[in-house]
């Protein structure tokens, strides 16, 4: 229905929810697919809180796949937007996510 109504906001939310479900089920490739589709939509809407949230979610999915470079890239992109928005809670969460990645790759000083 959201597609028929061309409601990009609702489409993005649904795709984000689907991605989260796939992530929870450890179906990370599907999770990434739907996060990227949601990201495209929120970028079209220029909805920065949504963009930063989905970037962080993508980083988490890549972390689960042990694709650490990708996890760092997406988390850093999310961090930049969280800071621009003045989202202190979101910034803290992304720093925590980055700390986890750096810990796992044994980059303890960065962690």
N, C-alpha and C. Protein backbone atom coordinates (compact mmCIF):
# COMPACT_ATOMS: atom_id res chain seq x y z
N UNK A 1 0.82 -1.19 0.00
CA UNK A 1 0.00 0.00 0.00
C UNK A 1 0.86 1.26 0.00
N UNK A 2 1.93 1.23 0.77
CA UNK A 2 2.80 2.40 0.83
C UNK A 2 3.42 2.68 -0.53
N UNK A 3 3.73 1.63 -1.27
CA UNK A 3 4.28 1.83 -2.62
C UNK A 3 3.22 2.39 -3.54
N UNK A 4 2.00 1.87 -3.45
CA UNK A 4 0.91 2.37 -4.29
C UNK A 4 0.64 3.85 -4.01
N UNK A 5 0.74 4.23 -2.74
CA UNK A 5 0.50 5.62 -2.35
C UNK A 5 1.74 6.50 -2.53
N UNK A 6 2.85 5.86 -2.94
CA UNK A 6 4.13 6.55 -3.11
C UNK A 6 4.56 7.26 -1.83
N UNK A 7 4.29 6.60 -0.71
CA UNK A 7 4.64 7.12 0.61
C UNK A 7 6.03 6.61 0.97
N UNK A 8 7.05 7.37 0.61
CA UNK A 8 8.43 6.94 0.81
C UNK A 8 8.79 6.80 2.28
N UNK A 9 8.23 7.65 3.12
CA UNK A 9 8.52 7.57 4.55
C UNK A 9 8.07 6.23 5.12
N UNK A 10 6.85 5.84 4.81
CA UNK A 10 6.34 4.56 5.30
C UNK A 10 7.09 3.39 4.67
N UNK A 11 7.41 3.50 3.40
CA UNK A 11 8.19 2.46 2.74
C UNK A 11 9.53 2.27 3.44
N UNK A 12 10.17 3.38 3.76
CA UNK A 12 11.48 3.32 4.42
C UNK A 12 11.35 2.67 5.80
N UNK A 13 10.32 3.03 6.54
CA UNK A 13 10.13 2.44 7.87
C UNK A 13 9.89 0.94 7.77
N UNK A 14 9.06 0.53 6.82
CA UNK A 14 8.77 -0.90 6.65
C UNK A 14 10.04 -1.66 6.28
N UNK A 15 10.81 -1.11 5.35
CA UNK A 15 12.06 -1.79 4.94
C UNK A 15 13.04 -1.85 6.11
N UNK A 16 13.08 -0.80 6.92
CA UNK A 16 13.94 -0.80 8.10
C UNK A 16 13.49 -1.88 9.09
N UNK A 17 12.18 -2.00 9.29
CA UNK A 17 11.66 -3.04 10.18
C UNK A 17 11.99 -4.43 9.65
N UNK A 18 11.78 -4.65 8.35
CA UNK A 18 12.12 -5.94 7.75
C UNK A 18 13.61 -6.25 7.94
N UNK A 19 14.44 -5.25 7.72
CA UNK A 19 15.89 -5.44 7.89
C UNK A 19 16.21 -5.83 9.33
N UNK A 20 15.55 -5.19 10.28
CA UNK A 20 15.79 -5.51 11.70
C UNK A 20 15.38 -6.94 12.01
N UNK A 21 14.26 -7.38 11.44
CA UNK A 21 13.82 -8.76 11.65
C UNK A 21 14.84 -9.74 11.08
N UNK A 22 15.30 -9.47 9.85
CA UNK A 22 16.30 -10.35 9.25
C UNK A 22 17.60 -10.33 10.05
N UNK A 23 17.96 -9.17 10.57
CA UNK A 23 19.16 -9.07 11.39
C UNK A 23 19.00 -9.93 12.64
N UNK A 24 17.86 -9.85 13.28
CA UNK A 24 17.58 -10.64 14.49
C UNK A 24 17.65 -12.13 14.18
N UNK A 25 17.25 -12.52 12.98
CA UNK A 25 17.27 -13.92 12.56
C UNK A 25 18.64 -14.34 12.01
N UNK A 26 19.61 -13.47 12.10
CA UNK A 26 20.97 -13.71 11.60
C UNK A 26 21.01 -13.92 10.09
N UNK A 27 20.05 -13.34 9.39
CA UNK A 27 20.05 -13.36 7.92
C UNK A 27 20.61 -12.01 7.45
N UNK A 28 21.90 -11.85 7.66
CA UNK A 28 22.53 -10.55 7.51
C UNK A 28 22.54 -10.02 6.09
N UNK A 29 22.65 -10.90 5.11
CA UNK A 29 22.63 -10.43 3.72
C UNK A 29 21.28 -9.80 3.38
N UNK A 30 20.20 -10.42 3.83
CA UNK A 30 18.87 -9.84 3.61
C UNK A 30 18.69 -8.57 4.43
N UNK A 31 19.24 -8.58 5.61
CA UNK A 31 19.17 -7.40 6.46
C UNK A 31 19.83 -6.21 5.76
N UNK A 32 21.00 -6.43 5.24
CA UNK A 32 21.74 -5.36 4.54
C UNK A 32 20.97 -4.90 3.31
N UNK A 33 20.39 -5.83 2.57
CA UNK A 33 19.61 -5.49 1.38
C UNK A 33 18.49 -4.51 1.74
N UNK A 34 17.72 -4.85 2.78
CA UNK A 34 16.59 -3.99 3.14
C UNK A 34 17.04 -2.68 3.80
N UNK A 35 18.12 -2.72 4.57
CA UNK A 35 18.64 -1.46 5.12
C UNK A 35 19.06 -0.52 3.98
N UNK A 36 19.70 -1.06 2.95
CA UNK A 36 20.14 -0.22 1.84
C UNK A 36 18.95 0.35 1.07
N UNK A 37 17.89 -0.44 0.92
CA UNK A 37 16.70 0.07 0.26
C UNK A 37 16.06 1.19 1.10
N UNK A 38 16.01 0.99 2.41
CA UNK A 38 15.48 2.02 3.30
C UNK A 38 16.35 3.27 3.25
N UNK A 39 17.66 3.08 3.20
CA UNK A 39 18.59 4.20 3.14
C UNK A 39 18.37 5.04 1.90
N UNK A 40 18.17 4.39 0.77
CA UNK A 40 17.90 5.11 -0.47
C UNK A 40 16.66 6.01 -0.31
N UNK A 41 15.63 5.48 0.31
CA UNK A 41 14.39 6.24 0.48
C UNK A 41 14.57 7.42 1.43
N UNK A 42 15.23 7.21 2.57
CA UNK A 42 15.39 8.33 3.51
C UNK A 42 16.33 9.38 2.95
N UNK A 43 17.26 8.97 2.11
CA UNK A 43 18.13 9.96 1.45
C UNK A 43 17.32 10.79 0.46
N UNK A 44 16.39 10.16 -0.25
CA UNK A 44 15.52 10.91 -1.16
C UNK A 44 14.68 11.92 -0.39
N UNK A 45 14.30 11.57 0.82
CA UNK A 45 13.52 12.46 1.67
C UNK A 45 14.40 13.46 2.42
N UNK A 46 15.71 13.24 2.37
CA UNK A 46 16.69 14.03 3.11
C UNK A 46 16.35 14.08 4.61
N UNK A 47 15.95 12.92 5.14
CA UNK A 47 15.59 12.78 6.55
C UNK A 47 16.82 12.30 7.31
N UNK A 48 17.58 13.28 7.82
CA UNK A 48 18.89 12.98 8.41
C UNK A 48 18.83 12.06 9.64
N UNK A 49 17.83 12.19 10.53
CA UNK A 49 17.79 11.22 11.63
C UNK A 49 17.63 9.78 11.13
N UNK A 50 16.83 9.60 10.11
CA UNK A 50 16.65 8.26 9.53
C UNK A 50 17.90 7.78 8.83
N UNK A 51 18.56 8.69 8.13
CA UNK A 51 19.81 8.33 7.45
C UNK A 51 20.84 7.84 8.46
N UNK A 52 21.03 8.60 9.52
CA UNK A 52 22.05 8.22 10.50
C UNK A 52 21.69 6.92 11.21
N UNK A 53 20.40 6.72 11.50
CA UNK A 53 20.00 5.47 12.17
C UNK A 53 20.24 4.27 11.28
N UNK A 54 19.90 4.39 10.01
CA UNK A 54 20.09 3.26 9.10
C UNK A 54 21.57 3.00 8.84
N UNK A 55 22.36 4.05 8.74
CA UNK A 55 23.81 3.85 8.59
C UNK A 55 24.37 3.06 9.77
N UNK A 56 23.94 3.41 10.98
CA UNK A 56 24.40 2.69 12.17
C UNK A 56 23.92 1.24 12.14
N UNK A 57 22.67 1.04 11.71
CA UNK A 57 22.14 -0.33 11.59
C UNK A 57 22.94 -1.15 10.58
N UNK A 58 23.29 -0.53 9.46
CA UNK A 58 24.12 -1.21 8.47
C UNK A 58 25.47 -1.59 9.08
N UNK A 59 26.04 -0.67 9.82
CA UNK A 59 27.30 -0.97 10.49
C UNK A 59 27.20 -2.18 11.41
N UNK A 60 26.08 -2.28 12.13
CA UNK A 60 25.87 -3.43 13.00
C UNK A 60 25.77 -4.73 12.21
N UNK A 61 25.06 -4.68 11.08
CA UNK A 61 24.94 -5.89 10.26
C UNK A 61 26.28 -6.32 9.70
N UNK A 62 27.08 -5.35 9.24
CA UNK A 62 28.41 -5.69 8.74
C UNK A 62 29.30 -6.22 9.86
N UNK A 63 29.13 -5.70 11.05
CA UNK A 63 29.89 -6.22 12.18
C UNK A 63 29.55 -7.68 12.42
N UNK A 64 28.27 -8.01 12.34
CA UNK A 64 27.84 -9.39 12.54
C UNK A 64 28.44 -10.33 11.49
N UNK A 65 28.68 -9.80 10.30
CA UNK A 65 29.31 -10.59 9.23
C UNK A 65 30.84 -10.58 9.33
N UNK A 66 31.35 -9.89 10.34
CA UNK A 66 32.79 -9.74 10.55
C UNK A 66 33.46 -8.99 9.40
N UNK A 67 32.69 -8.11 8.77
CA UNK A 67 33.23 -7.23 7.74
C UNK A 67 33.53 -5.90 8.44
N UNK A 68 34.64 -5.90 9.15
CA UNK A 68 34.95 -4.82 10.06
C UNK A 68 35.18 -3.48 9.36
N UNK A 69 35.83 -3.51 8.21
CA UNK A 69 36.06 -2.25 7.49
C UNK A 69 34.75 -1.58 7.11
N UNK A 70 33.81 -2.37 6.63
CA UNK A 70 32.50 -1.82 6.27
C UNK A 70 31.76 -1.34 7.51
N UNK A 71 31.86 -2.10 8.60
CA UNK A 71 31.21 -1.70 9.84
C UNK A 71 31.72 -0.34 10.30
N UNK A 72 33.02 -0.14 10.22
CA UNK A 72 33.61 1.13 10.65
C UNK A 72 33.15 2.27 9.74
N UNK A 73 33.17 2.03 8.44
CA UNK A 73 32.77 3.08 7.49
C UNK A 73 31.34 3.54 7.76
N UNK A 74 30.41 2.59 7.90
CA UNK A 74 29.02 2.97 8.12
C UNK A 74 28.82 3.65 9.48
N UNK A 75 29.51 3.17 10.50
CA UNK A 75 29.39 3.81 11.81
C UNK A 75 29.96 5.23 11.79
N UNK A 76 31.06 5.42 11.08
CA UNK A 76 31.65 6.76 11.00
C UNK A 76 30.74 7.72 10.24
N UNK A 77 30.07 7.23 9.21
CA UNK A 77 29.12 8.07 8.48
C UNK A 77 27.95 8.44 9.38
N UNK A 78 27.48 7.47 10.15
CA UNK A 78 26.38 7.73 11.09
C UNK A 78 26.82 8.74 12.14
N UNK A 79 28.04 8.59 12.64
CA UNK A 79 28.56 9.48 13.67
C UNK A 79 28.59 10.92 13.19
N UNK A 80 29.05 11.13 11.98
CA UNK A 80 29.12 12.49 11.43
C UNK A 80 27.74 13.16 11.45
N UNK A 81 26.72 12.43 11.02
CA UNK A 81 25.37 13.00 10.97
C UNK A 81 24.82 13.20 12.37
N UNK A 82 25.03 12.23 13.27
CA UNK A 82 24.56 12.37 14.65
C UNK A 82 25.13 13.63 15.28
N UNK A 83 26.41 13.89 15.04
CA UNK A 83 27.05 15.10 15.59
C UNK A 83 26.45 16.35 14.97
N UNK A 84 26.25 16.35 13.64
CA UNK A 84 25.65 17.51 12.97
C UNK A 84 24.27 17.83 13.54
N UNK A 85 23.51 16.78 13.88
CA UNK A 85 22.16 16.96 14.40
C UNK A 85 22.15 17.33 15.88
N UNK A 86 23.29 17.20 16.53
CA UNK A 86 23.35 17.45 17.97
C UNK A 86 22.69 16.34 18.77
N UNK A 87 22.63 15.16 18.20
CA UNK A 87 22.00 14.00 18.84
C UNK A 87 23.02 13.34 19.76
N UNK A 88 23.02 13.77 21.00
CA UNK A 88 24.04 13.28 21.94
C UNK A 88 23.85 11.81 22.28
N UNK A 89 22.60 11.37 22.43
CA UNK A 89 22.35 9.96 22.73
C UNK A 89 22.77 9.10 21.55
N UNK A 90 22.38 9.50 20.34
CA UNK A 90 22.77 8.76 19.14
C UNK A 90 24.28 8.75 18.95
N UNK A 91 24.91 9.88 19.22
CA UNK A 91 26.37 9.96 19.12
C UNK A 91 27.02 8.97 20.09
N UNK A 92 26.52 8.91 21.29
CA UNK A 92 27.05 7.98 22.28
C UNK A 92 26.89 6.54 21.85
N UNK A 93 25.74 6.22 21.27
CA UNK A 93 25.50 4.86 20.80
C UNK A 93 26.46 4.48 19.68
N UNK A 94 26.68 5.42 18.76
CA UNK A 94 27.59 5.13 17.65
C UNK A 94 29.02 5.00 18.15
N UNK A 95 29.42 5.84 19.11
CA UNK A 95 30.76 5.67 19.69
C UNK A 95 30.89 4.29 20.34
N UNK A 96 29.83 3.84 21.00
CA UNK A 96 29.84 2.51 21.59
C UNK A 96 29.99 1.44 20.51
N UNK A 97 29.26 1.60 19.41
CA UNK A 97 29.35 0.65 18.30
C UNK A 97 30.77 0.61 17.73
N UNK A 98 31.34 1.79 17.53
CA UNK A 98 32.71 1.85 17.02
C UNK A 98 33.69 1.21 18.00
N UNK A 99 33.48 1.48 19.28
CA UNK A 99 34.34 0.87 20.30
C UNK A 99 34.30 -0.65 20.22
N UNK A 100 33.11 -1.20 19.99
CA UNK A 100 32.98 -2.65 19.86
C UNK A 100 33.75 -3.18 18.66
N UNK A 101 33.65 -2.48 17.54
CA UNK A 101 34.36 -2.93 16.34
C UNK A 101 35.86 -2.89 16.58
N UNK A 102 36.35 -1.76 17.09
CA UNK A 102 37.79 -1.63 17.31
C UNK A 102 38.29 -2.65 18.33
N UNK A 103 37.47 -2.95 19.31
CA UNK A 103 37.85 -3.98 20.29
C UNK A 103 38.01 -5.34 19.60
N UNK A 104 37.06 -5.67 18.73
CA UNK A 104 37.10 -6.96 18.06
C UNK A 104 38.27 -7.10 17.10
N UNK A 105 38.73 -5.98 16.54
CA UNK A 105 39.88 -6.07 15.64
C UNK A 105 41.19 -5.79 16.38
N UNK A 106 41.09 -5.80 17.69
CA UNK A 106 42.27 -5.65 18.57
C UNK A 106 42.94 -4.31 18.46
N UNK A 107 42.17 -3.29 18.09
CA UNK A 107 42.69 -1.93 18.07
C UNK A 107 42.24 -1.26 19.36
N UNK A 108 42.88 -1.68 20.44
CA UNK A 108 42.40 -1.32 21.77
C UNK A 108 42.53 0.18 22.07
N UNK A 109 43.53 0.83 21.56
CA UNK A 109 43.66 2.28 21.80
C UNK A 109 42.47 3.04 21.20
N UNK A 110 42.05 2.65 20.01
CA UNK A 110 40.88 3.28 19.38
C UNK A 110 39.61 2.88 20.10
N UNK A 111 39.58 1.66 20.57
CA UNK A 111 38.39 1.15 21.26
C UNK A 111 38.13 1.98 22.50
